[in-house]
Every structure is written in C-alpha cells, then in structure tokens.
Amino acid sequence: MVENARREAEWLLSHLLGIPAMELYLSPDRELPPPLIERFLSSVAQRAAGVPLQYLLGETEFFGASFAVEPGVFIPRPETEAVLERALAALRPQAGKGREPLRLLDLGTGSGCLAVTLARALSPCLVVGVELSWTALSMARRNVRRHGVEGTVLLVQGCWADALRGTFDGIVSNPPYVPGDQVNRLPLDVRREPRLSLDGGPEGMRALAHLLAEAPRVLRPRGVFALECGEEQVERLLRLASDADWVEAAESINDLAGRPRGLLLTRR
C-alpha cells in the first residue's frame, strides 16, 4: 500500500498536465483526453507496483533545487542534505581566502546533486564528481547542464578516488552503507533503486572503510571530509577515525530527527 496515495496521484496528474497540483481543483470539470488518462492510469499502476514516485515524475527536490532522476540513478534523500549542510558550514570560511578556487571532491556523485550544490554554494571552486555507473554519470551531466555549472563541475567515471591524483580542500560522499543481508528487506520502492548505491557489503562497512582509508591520500592538510553513513555505523567509524593519525577532529552529523547519520572529519 502506498502512503499518501491521493497526494501522489495528484502529483502524477499535475505532472502530466504541466500545472501545479493545487490547480487541479480550480477546474473540476476539466475533460482529459483518453491518451492522457491512459498515461495517468499507467503511472498509478507503476507506482502501486513499487516504482519510486521520483522516477515517474522524472525529478526530485534536493537542497531547494530540482534534479532530474531516472531508473538506474540513486534518489537523493533529506538526510544527505544535513550532511551537506555541515560540509558547507566547514568549507565556507575557506572560500575566497586563497588565490585559487577551492578544490572539492564528490565521491559517488550519482545524480550529481552534491557536486552541483557545492558548485552553486561555494565560489570560487572546482568540483570533481566521481561515479562508477555510466547511467548515473549521464544523469549527473544532465543536472550539471540544468543548473549551469558546466565550468565548475568536472565529472569522471571511476571507482571512488582510486584513479585520482592531487589533493582537495574538501570531500563529500554518500556511499552505499546498507548491510548486504538487509538490502532485500528494504521497502519495495527503495529496492527499485540501483543495488550498487545501496549494498555496503558485510555490516555496510565496505565502502565506508575504503573511503576512510583513502581520504588522507587526496585530502589536503586542514581539509574536511563529510561522510554519510547509517546510524548503527557512526560509533564504529568514530573509533576508526580516532585511531587514524591523519584525523585532527571527528564529530557525528545528525539528521533532522536528531539521529546520527554521518561524520565530519578534519585532517591535521
């Protein structure tokens, strides 16, 4: 059963009509052409079968802006906004201080929402977004063009920071962190998203541990690393960070509900 089914149906219909949802009730006697009715009923059926609403709409909201999404691309979440907000707060004091733009890195860029938002919020800067999936990388390019940051965001196909050289002032990442044995128990619509973006291996730590180990190679002194993770992984990551000689400060990041959902690390 889909929660908020009526509201989602309104969104689907308003999307097909190209009007705000509130206008649906301003013309209650509006006659809809049969092809549009068929498309609407098809969308409703797909949603009932578990297709994410964002895929059906072709877009989603993130940090107050609209981003295109499609099947094969991870859908941005509100908890990622909290992680990004903390990263921006840590990076803003550095912006404009040096002669060169901030160099920023988004590992696992997906739809490109983090890279684009960083580029729009911090000026001057250069953002490198790395993504393994060609499908997601294509969508990220579309969103980079959509928000007019082609000259600021560089997209690279690759596995995390493995092929990168040089160092960066800041790193953000929302890697897969769902324990592998729990992926098949996720809600149906979440399971429609790419498993590559969800499955974090045993205990969800595979990518998290790899990124933590790789960070000192690509993070400049005094640079910051904002990493999203699951609530159950925060304490373990904090212990790993406290044992790492490159970490000067480590603190958890809470989501809007006050639950720990990430880490903010500063390099010595």
C-alpha atoms as a PDB file:
ATOM      1  CA  MET A   1       0.000   0.000   0.000  1.00  0.00           C
ATOM      2  CA  VAL A   2       1.324   3.450  -0.928  1.00  0.00           C
ATOM      3  CA  GLU A   3       1.229   6.041   1.828  1.00  0.00           C
ATOM      4  CA  ASN A   4      -0.183   9.422   0.800  1.00  0.00           C
ATOM      5  CA  ALA A   5      -1.687   7.734  -2.266  1.00  0.00           C
ATOM      6  CA  ARG A   6      -4.094  10.581  -3.034  1.00  0.00           C
ATOM      7  CA  ARG A   7      -1.383  13.233  -2.822  1.00  0.00           C
ATOM      8  CA  GLU A   8       0.958  11.209  -5.021  1.00  0.00           C
ATOM      9  CA  ALA A   9      -1.837  10.718  -7.565  1.00  0.00           C
ATOM     10  CA  GLU A  10      -2.307  14.498  -7.615  1.00  0.00           C
ATOM     11  CA  TRP A  11       1.419  14.976  -8.247  1.00  0.00           C
ATOM     12  CA  LEU A  12       1.356  12.462 -11.094  1.00  0.00           C
ATOM     13  CA  LEU A  13      -1.664  14.079 -12.740  1.00  0.00           C
ATOM     14  CA  SER A  14      -0.361  17.622 -12.327  1.00  0.00           C
ATOM     15  CA  HIS A  15       2.955  16.480 -13.807  1.00  0.00           C
ATOM     16  CA  LEU A  16       1.206  15.060 -16.865  1.00  0.00           C
ATOM     17  CA  LEU A  17      -0.877  18.224 -17.255  1.00  0.00           C
ATOM     18  CA  GLY A  18       2.073  20.523 -16.639  1.00  0.00           C
ATOM     19  CA  ILE A  19       0.283  22.514 -13.951  1.00  0.00           C
ATOM     20  CA  PRO A  20       0.726  22.927 -10.162  1.00  0.00           C
ATOM     21  CA  ALA A  21      -1.180  20.310  -8.148  1.00  0.00           C
ATOM     22  CA  MET A  22      -3.281  22.992  -6.445  1.00  0.00           C
ATOM     23  CA  GLU A  23      -4.747  23.973  -9.827  1.00  0.00           C
ATOM     24  CA  LEU A  24      -6.331  20.556 -10.279  1.00  0.00           C
ATOM     25  CA  TYR A  25      -9.256  21.666  -8.120  1.00  0.00           C
ATOM     26  CA  LEU A  26      -9.719  25.006  -9.856  1.00  0.00           C
ATOM     27  CA  SER A  27     -11.224  23.297 -12.914  1.00  0.00           C
ATOM     28  CA  PRO A  28     -13.020  20.217 -11.556  1.00  0.00           C
ATOM     29  CA  ASP A  29     -14.978  19.757 -14.799  1.00  0.00           C
ATOM     30  CA  ARG A  30     -11.857  19.649 -16.968  1.00  0.00           C
ATOM     31  CA  GLU A  31     -12.114  16.883 -19.555  1.00  0.00           C
ATOM     32  CA  LEU A  32      -8.966  14.842 -20.058  1.00  0.00           C
ATOM     33  CA  PRO A  33      -8.117  13.320 -23.436  1.00  0.00           C
ATOM     34  CA  PRO A  34      -8.088   9.496 -23.446  1.00  0.00           C
ATOM     35  CA  PRO A  35      -4.309   9.219 -24.140  1.00  0.00           C
ATOM     36  CA  LEU A  36      -3.560  11.313 -21.059  1.00  0.00           C
ATOM     37  CA  ILE A  37      -5.950   9.224 -18.953  1.00  0.00           C
ATOM     38  CA  GLU A  38      -4.133   6.097 -20.126  1.00  0.00           C
ATOM     39  CA  ARG A  39      -0.772   7.579 -19.212  1.00  0.00           C
ATOM     40  CA  PHE A  40      -2.075   8.618 -15.808  1.00  0.00           C
ATOM     41  CA  LEU A  41      -3.534   5.167 -15.060  1.00  0.00           C
ATOM     42  CA  SER A  42      -0.277   3.579 -16.224  1.00  0.00           C
ATOM     43  CA  SER A  43       1.706   5.819 -13.844  1.00  0.00           C
ATOM     44  CA  VAL A  44      -0.626   4.975 -10.969  1.00  0.00           C
ATOM     45  CA  ALA A  45      -0.241   1.255 -11.682  1.00  0.00           C
ATOM     46  CA  GLN A  46       3.540   1.542 -11.802  1.00  0.00           C
ATOM     47  CA  ARG A  47       3.579   3.416  -8.512  1.00  0.00           C
ATOM     48  CA  ALA A  48       1.362   0.755  -6.924  1.00  0.00           C
ATOM     49  CA  ALA A  49       3.848  -1.849  -8.173  1.00  0.00           C
ATOM     50  CA  GLY A  50       6.668  -0.095  -6.330  1.00  0.00           C
ATOM     51  CA  VAL A  51       8.228   2.222  -8.902  1.00  0.00           C
ATOM     52  CA  PRO A  52       9.526   5.257  -6.969  1.00  0.00           C
ATOM     53  CA  LEU A  53       7.436   8.378  -7.429  1.00  0.00           C
ATOM     54  CA  GLN A  54      10.554  10.364  -8.330  1.00  0.00           C
ATOM     55  CA  TYR A  55      11.233   8.071 -11.297  1.00  0.00           C
ATOM     56  CA  LEU A  56       7.708   8.569 -12.566  1.00  0.00           C
ATOM     57  CA  LEU A  57       7.975  12.347 -12.208  1.00  0.00           C
ATOM     58  CA  GLY A  58      11.488  12.354 -13.638  1.00  0.00           C
ATOM     59  CA  GLU A  59      12.794  14.690 -10.954  1.00  0.00           C
ATOM     60  CA  THR A  60      13.186  15.275  -7.234  1.00  0.00           C
ATOM     61  CA  GLU A  61      13.915  18.152  -4.882  1.00  0.00           C
ATOM     62  CA  PHE A  62      17.257  18.476  -3.096  1.00  0.00           C
ATOM     63  CA  PHE A  63      18.507  21.434  -1.128  1.00  0.00           C
ATOM     64  CA  GLY A  64      15.772  23.642  -2.568  1.00  0.00           C
ATOM     65  CA  ALA A  65      16.520  22.802  -6.201  1.00  0.00           C
ATOM     66  CA  SER A  66      15.129  20.347  -8.733  1.00  0.00           C
ATOM     67  CA  PHE A  67      17.255  17.471 -10.033  1.00  0.00           C
ATOM     68  CA  ALA A  68      16.455  15.026 -12.804  1.00  0.00           C
ATOM     69  CA  VAL A  69      16.405  11.345 -11.845  1.00  0.00           C
ATOM     70  CA  GLU A  70      15.555   8.163 -13.695  1.00  0.00           C
ATOM     71  CA  PRO A  71      15.742   4.394 -13.123  1.00  0.00           C
ATOM     72  CA  GLY A  72      19.337   3.360 -12.509  1.00  0.00           C
ATOM     73  CA  VAL A  73      20.120   6.513 -10.512  1.00  0.00           C
ATOM     74  CA  PHE A  74      20.002   6.768  -6.721  1.00  0.00           C
ATOM     75  CA  ILE A  75      17.342   9.189  -5.469  1.00  0.00           C
ATOM     76  CA  PRO A  76      18.671  11.971  -3.166  1.00  0.00           C
ATOM     77  CA  ARG A  77      17.426  11.854   0.442  1.00  0.00           C
ATOM     78  CA  PRO A  78      16.775  14.547   3.086  1.00  0.00           C
ATOM     79  CA  GLU A  79      19.408  13.089   5.417  1.00  0.00           C
ATOM     80  CA  THR A  80      22.030  13.814   2.763  1.00  0.00           C
ATOM     81  CA  GLU A  81      21.042  17.486   2.963  1.00  0.00           C
ATOM     82  CA  ALA A  82      22.058  17.507   6.649  1.00  0.00           C
ATOM     83  CA  VAL A  83      25.471  16.057   5.795  1.00  0.00           C
ATOM     84  CA  LEU A  84      25.937  18.598   3.005  1.00  0.00           C
ATOM     85  CA  GLU A  85      24.903  21.487   5.257  1.00  0.00           C
ATOM     86  CA  ARG A  86      27.641  20.590   7.742  1.00  0.00           C
ATOM     87  CA  ALA A  87      30.171  20.301   4.929  1.00  0.00           C
ATOM     88  CA  LEU A  88      29.212  23.738   3.605  1.00  0.00           C
ATOM     89  CA  ALA A  89      29.472  25.268   7.078  1.00  0.00           C
ATOM     90  CA  ALA A  90      33.004  23.897   7.386  1.00  0.00           C
ATOM     91  CA  LEU A  91      34.055  24.926   3.884  1.00  0.00           C
ATOM     92  CA  ARG A  92      32.566  28.421   3.656  1.00  0.00           C
ATOM     93  CA  PRO A  93      35.285  30.049   5.807  1.00  0.00           C
ATOM     94  CA  GLN A  94      37.878  28.753   3.332  1.00  0.00           C
ATOM     95  CA  ALA A  95      36.080  30.001   0.217  1.00  0.00           C
ATOM     96  CA  GLY A  96      37.643  33.124  -1.214  1.00  0.00           C
ATOM     97  CA  LYS A  97      40.582  33.154   1.209  1.00  0.00           C
ATOM     98  CA  GLY A  98      43.143  31.720  -1.166  1.00  0.00           C
ATOM     99  CA  ARG A  99      44.200  32.864  -4.583  1.00  0.00           C
ATOM    100  CA  GLU A 100      42.925  29.663  -6.171  1.00  0.00           C
ATOM    101  CA  PRO A 101      39.396  28.230  -6.139  1.00  0.00           C
ATOM    102  CA  LEU A 102      38.532  25.593  -3.580  1.00  0.00           C
ATOM    103  CA  ARG A 103      39.134  22.095  -4.918  1.00  0.00           C
ATOM    104  CA  LEU A 104      36.273  19.812  -3.892  1.00  0.00           C
ATOM    105  CA  LEU A 105      35.569  16.126  -4.455  1.00  0.00           C
ATOM    106  CA  ASP A 106      32.234  14.293  -4.566  1.00  0.00           C
ATOM    107  CA  LEU A 107      32.804  10.539  -4.431  1.00  0.00           C
ATOM    108  CA  GLY A 108      29.916   8.502  -5.832  1.00  0.00           C
ATOM    109  CA  THR A 109      28.204  11.525  -7.321  1.00  0.00           C
ATOM    110  CA  GLY A 110      25.095   9.679  -8.563  1.00  0.00           C
ATOM    111  CA  SER A 111      22.614  12.290  -9.805  1.00  0.00           C
ATOM    112  CA  GLY A 112      25.226  14.987  -9.228  1.00  0.00           C
ATOM    113  CA  CYS A 113      23.132  16.711  -6.556  1.00  0.00           C
ATOM    114  CA  LEU A 114      26.042  17.125  -4.129  1.00  0.00           C
ATOM    115  CA  ALA A 115      28.520  18.324  -6.744  1.00  0.00           C
ATOM    116  CA  VAL A 116      26.039  20.794  -8.233  1.00  0.00           C
ATOM    117  CA  THR A 117      25.016  22.164  -4.840  1.00  0.00           C
ATOM    118  CA  LEU A 118      28.633  22.607  -3.791  1.00  0.00           C
ATOM    119  CA  ALA A 119      29.359  24.453  -7.038  1.00  0.00           C
ATOM    120  CA  ARG A 120      26.379  26.761  -6.541  1.00  0.00           C
ATOM    121  CA  ALA A 121      27.059  27.447  -2.857  1.00  0.00           C
ATOM    122  CA  LEU A 122      30.837  27.920  -2.801  1.00  0.00           C
ATOM    123  CA  SER A 123      32.518  30.358  -5.120  1.00  0.00           C
ATOM    124  CA  PRO A 124      35.085  30.199  -6.494  1.00  0.00           C
ATOM    125  CA  CYS A 125      35.510  26.431  -6.551  1.00  0.00           C
ATOM    126  CA  LEU A 126      36.181  23.433  -8.772  1.00  0.00           C
ATOM    127  CA  VAL A 127      34.218  20.264  -8.024  1.00  0.00           C
ATOM    128  CA  VAL A 128      35.209  16.832  -9.287  1.00  0.00           C
ATOM    129  CA  GLY A 129      32.394  14.279  -9.198  1.00  0.00           C
ATOM    130  CA  VAL A 130      33.393  10.621  -9.486  1.00  0.00           C
ATOM    131  CA  GLU A 131      30.869   7.925 -10.399  1.00  0.00           C
ATOM    132  CA  LEU A 132      31.229   4.276 -11.421  1.00  0.00           C
ATOM    133  CA  SER A 133      27.843   3.916 -13.168  1.00  0.00           C
ATOM    134  CA  TRP A 134      27.585   5.299 -16.693  1.00  0.00           C
ATOM    135  CA  THR A 135      23.823   5.640 -16.275  1.00  0.00           C
ATOM    136  CA  ALA A 136      24.250   7.809 -13.204  1.00  0.00           C
ATOM    137  CA  LEU A 137      27.105   9.741 -14.778  1.00  0.00           C
ATOM    138  CA  SER A 138      24.902  10.606 -17.747  1.00  0.00           C
ATOM    139  CA  MET A 139      22.216  11.898 -15.376  1.00  0.00           C
ATOM    140  CA  ALA A 140      24.802  13.892 -13.430  1.00  0.00           C
ATOM    141  CA  ARG A 141      25.922  15.561 -16.676  1.00  0.00           C
ATOM    142  CA  ARG A 142      22.300  16.438 -17.378  1.00  0.00           C
ATOM    143  CA  ASN A 143      21.921  18.035 -13.953  1.00  0.00           C
ATOM    144  CA  VAL A 144      25.201  19.914 -14.301  1.00  0.00           C
ATOM    145  CA  ARG A 145      23.871  21.457 -17.523  1.00  0.00           C
ATOM    146  CA  ARG A 146      20.455  22.021 -15.955  1.00  0.00           C
ATOM    147  CA  HIS A 147      21.983  24.199 -13.239  1.00  0.00           C
ATOM    148  CA  GLY A 148      24.533  25.945 -15.451  1.00  0.00           C
ATOM    149  CA  VAL A 149      27.687  24.804 -13.632  1.00  0.00           C
ATOM    150  CA  GLU A 150      29.483  23.163 -16.569  1.00  0.00           C
ATOM    151  CA  GLY A 151      32.551  25.335 -15.990  1.00  0.00           C
ATOM    152  CA  THR A 152      32.742  24.434 -12.313  1.00  0.00           C
ATOM    153  CA  VAL A 153      31.897  20.715 -12.114  1.00  0.00           C
ATOM    154  CA  LEU A 154      34.077  18.077 -13.759  1.00  0.00           C
ATOM    155  CA  LEU A 155      32.615  14.562 -13.924  1.00  0.00           C
ATOM    156  CA  VAL A 156      34.840  11.482 -14.025  1.00  0.00           C
ATOM    157  CA  GLN A 157      33.996   7.810 -14.467  1.00  0.00           C
ATOM    158  CA  GLY A 158      35.818   5.716 -11.885  1.00  0.00           C
ATOM    159  CA  CYS A 159      35.767   3.797  -8.615  1.00  0.00           C
ATOM    160  CA  TRP A 160      35.935   6.237  -5.700  1.00  0.00           C
ATOM    161  CA  ALA A 161      39.249   8.126  -5.616  1.00  0.00           C
ATOM    162  CA  ASP A 162      41.312   5.199  -6.890  1.00  0.00           C
ATOM    163  CA  ALA A 163      42.342   6.838 -10.178  1.00  0.00           C
ATOM    164  CA  LEU A 164      42.643  10.416  -8.892  1.00  0.00           C
ATOM    165  CA  ARG A 165      45.845  12.332  -8.348  1.00  0.00           C
ATOM    166  CA  GLY A 166      46.321  15.550  -6.402  1.00  0.00           C
ATOM    167  CA  THR A 167      44.612  16.762  -3.264  1.00  0.00           C
ATOM    168  CA  PHE A 168      41.371  18.524  -2.370  1.00  0.00           C
ATOM    169  CA  ASP A 169      40.183  21.036   0.219  1.00  0.00           C
ATOM    170  CA  GLY A 170      37.009  19.100   0.893  1.00  0.00           C
ATOM    171  CA  ILE A 171      35.445  15.724   0.194  1.00  0.00           C
ATOM    172  CA  VAL A 172      31.788  14.716   0.411  1.00  0.00           C
ATOM    173  CA  SER A 173      30.393  11.250  -0.114  1.00  0.00           C
ATOM    174  CA  ASN A 174      27.149   9.343   0.256  1.00  0.00           C
ATOM    175  CA  PRO A 175      28.345   5.783  -0.380  1.00  0.00           C
ATOM    176  CA  PRO A 176      26.318   2.559  -0.139  1.00  0.00           C
ATOM    177  CA  TYR A 177      26.040   1.583   3.528  1.00  0.00           C
ATOM    178  CA  VAL A 178      23.093  -0.784   3.842  1.00  0.00           C
ATOM    179  CA  PRO A 179      24.351  -4.176   5.118  1.00  0.00           C
ATOM    180  CA  GLY A 180      24.204  -6.622   2.217  1.00  0.00           C
ATOM    181  CA  ASP A 181      21.923  -9.076   4.007  1.00  0.00           C
ATOM    182  CA  GLN A 182      19.371  -6.303   4.632  1.00  0.00           C
ATOM    183  CA  VAL A 183      19.007  -4.947   1.097  1.00  0.00           C
ATOM    184  CA  ASN A 184      16.302  -7.437   0.130  1.00  0.00           C
ATOM    185  CA  ARG A 185      14.294  -6.405   3.203  1.00  0.00           C
ATOM    186  CA  LEU A 186      14.138  -2.739   2.221  1.00  0.00           C
ATOM    187  CA  PRO A 187      10.795  -1.236   1.092  1.00  0.00           C
ATOM    188  CA  LEU A 188       9.819  -2.250  -2.429  1.00  0.00           C
ATOM    189  CA  ASP A 189      10.306   1.195  -3.941  1.00  0.00           C
ATOM    190  CA  VAL A 190      13.789   1.505  -2.418  1.00  0.00           C
ATOM    191  CA  ARG A 191      14.727  -1.880  -3.887  1.00  0.00           C
ATOM    192  CA  ARG A 192      13.895  -0.432  -7.323  1.00  0.00           C
ATOM    193  CA  GLU A 193      16.925   1.846  -6.965  1.00  0.00           C
ATOM    194  CA  PRO A 194      20.345   0.573  -8.098  1.00  0.00           C
ATOM    195  CA  ARG A 195      21.742  -2.051  -5.717  1.00  0.00           C
ATOM    196  CA  LEU A 196      25.195  -0.598  -6.388  1.00  0.00           C
ATOM    197  CA  SER A 197      24.088   2.522  -4.499  1.00  0.00           C
ATOM    198  CA  LEU A 198      22.604   0.592  -1.574  1.00  0.00           C
ATOM    199  CA  ASP A 199      24.631  -2.549  -0.814  1.00  0.00           C
ATOM    200  CA  GLY A 200      27.518  -1.732   1.509  1.00  0.00           C
ATOM    201  CA  GLY A 201      28.647  -5.329   1.968  1.00  0.00           C
ATOM    202  CA  PRO A 202      29.011  -7.009   5.373  1.00  0.00           C
ATOM    203  CA  GLU A 203      27.746  -4.653   8.091  1.00  0.00           C
ATOM    204  CA  GLY A 204      27.523  -1.941   5.415  1.00  0.00           C
ATOM    205  CA  MET A 205      31.151  -1.027   6.016  1.00  0.00           C
ATOM    206  CA  ARG A 206      32.843  -1.966   2.725  1.00  0.00           C
ATOM    207  CA  ALA A 207      32.782   1.453   1.038  1.00  0.00           C
ATOM    208  CA  LEU A 208      32.892   3.395   4.316  1.00  0.00           C
ATOM    209  CA  ALA A 209      36.113   1.713   5.450  1.00  0.00           C
ATOM    210  CA  HIS A 210      37.659   2.099   1.989  1.00  0.00           C
ATOM    211  CA  LEU A 211      36.891   5.829   1.853  1.00  0.00           C
ATOM    212  CA  LEU A 212      38.221   6.392   5.357  1.00  0.00           C
ATOM    213  CA  ALA A 213      41.482   4.684   4.413  1.00  0.00           C
ATOM    214  CA  GLU A 214      41.759   6.568   1.106  1.00  0.00           C
ATOM    215  CA  ALA A 215      40.934  10.041   2.427  1.00  0.00           C
ATOM    216  CA  PRO A 216      44.423  11.067   3.638  1.00  0.00           C
ATOM    217  CA  ARG A 217      45.853  10.487   0.147  1.00  0.00           C
ATOM    218  CA  VAL A 218      43.518  13.006  -1.511  1.00  0.00           C
ATOM    219  CA  LEU A 219      42.681  15.408   1.334  1.00  0.00           C
ATOM    220  CA  ARG A 220      44.820  18.473   1.936  1.00  0.00           C
ATOM    221  CA  PRO A 221      46.002  19.442   5.423  1.00  0.00           C
ATOM    222  CA  ARG A 222      43.120  21.191   7.237  1.00  0.00           C
ATOM    223  CA  GLY A 223      40.752  19.772   4.645  1.00  0.00           C
ATOM    224  CA  VAL A 224      37.341  18.424   5.655  1.00  0.00           C
ATOM    225  CA  PHE A 225      35.626  15.153   4.832  1.00  0.00           C
ATOM    226  CA  ALA A 226      31.834  14.813   5.185  1.00  0.00           C
ATOM    227  CA  LEU A 227      30.703  11.191   5.008  1.00  0.00           C
ATOM    228  CA  GLU A 228      27.138   9.897   5.192  1.00  0.00           C
ATOM    229  CA  CYS A 229      26.518   6.540   6.881  1.00  0.00           C
ATOM    230  CA  GLY A 230      23.896   4.564   8.765  1.00  0.00           C
ATOM    231  CA  GLU A 231      23.027   5.310  12.368  1.00  0.00           C
ATOM    232  CA  GLU A 232      24.444   1.983  13.509  1.00  0.00           C
ATOM    233  CA  GLN A 233      27.826   2.679  11.861  1.00  0.00           C
ATOM    234  CA  VAL A 234      28.608   6.086  13.373  1.00  0.00           C
ATOM    235  CA  GLU A 235      30.253   4.874  16.581  1.00  0.00           C
ATOM    236  CA  ARG A 236      32.413   2.350  14.752  1.00  0.00           C
ATOM    237  CA  LEU A 237      33.558   4.976  12.265  1.00  0.00           C
ATOM    238  CA  LEU A 238      34.314   7.421  15.060  1.00  0.00           C
ATOM    239  CA  ARG A 239      36.540   4.786  16.681  1.00  0.00           C
ATOM    240  CA  LEU A 240      38.329   4.178  13.388  1.00  0.00           C
ATOM    241  CA  ALA A 241      38.790   7.926  12.938  1.00  0.00           C
ATOM    242  CA  SER A 242      40.167   8.354  16.467  1.00  0.00           C
ATOM    243  CA  ASP A 243      42.792   5.699  15.695  1.00  0.00           C
ATOM    244  CA  ALA A 244      43.806   7.350  12.410  1.00  0.00           C
ATOM    245  CA  ASP A 245      46.843   9.596  12.809  1.00  0.00           C
ATOM    246  CA  TRP A 246      45.682  11.908   9.994  1.00  0.00           C
ATOM    247  CA  VAL A 247      42.434  12.910  11.732  1.00  0.00           C
ATOM    248  CA  GLU A 248      42.599  16.051  13.834  1.00  0.00           C
ATOM    249  CA  ALA A 249      38.891  16.250  14.714  1.00  0.00           C
ATOM    250  CA  ALA A 250      35.909  13.952  14.216  1.00  0.00           C
ATOM    251  CA  GLU A 251      32.278  14.587  15.028  1.00  0.00           C
ATOM    252  CA  SER A 252      28.972  12.983  14.175  1.00  0.00           C
ATOM    253  CA  ILE A 253      26.373  14.662  11.989  1.00  0.00           C
ATOM    254  CA  ASN A 254      22.716  14.366  12.976  1.00  0.00           C
ATOM    255  CA  ASP A 255      19.758  14.346  10.618  1.00  0.00           C
ATOM    256  CA  LEU A 256      16.654  16.487  11.088  1.00  0.00           C
ATOM    257  CA  ALA A 257      15.265  13.924  13.546  1.00  0.00           C
ATOM    258  CA  GLY A 258      18.391  14.191  15.685  1.00  0.00           C
ATOM    259  CA  ARG A 259      19.735  10.765  14.713  1.00  0.00           C
ATOM    260  CA  PRO A 260      23.454  10.385  13.873  1.00  0.00           C
ATOM    261  CA  ARG A 261      23.761   9.852  10.124  1.00  0.00           C
ATOM    262  CA  GLY A 262      27.268  10.912   9.198  1.00  0.00           C
ATOM    263  CA  LEU A 263      30.713  12.116  10.158  1.00  0.00           C
ATOM    264  CA  LEU A 264      32.641  15.326   9.677  1.00  0.00           C
ATOM    265  CA  LEU A 265      36.407  14.794   9.769  1.00  0.00           C
ATOM    266  CA  THR A 266      39.186  17.379   9.657  1.00  0.00           C
ATOM    267  CA  ARG A 267      42.686  16.488   8.567  1.00  0.00           C
ATOM    268  CA  ARG A 268      45.737  17.553  10.525  1.00  0.00           C
END
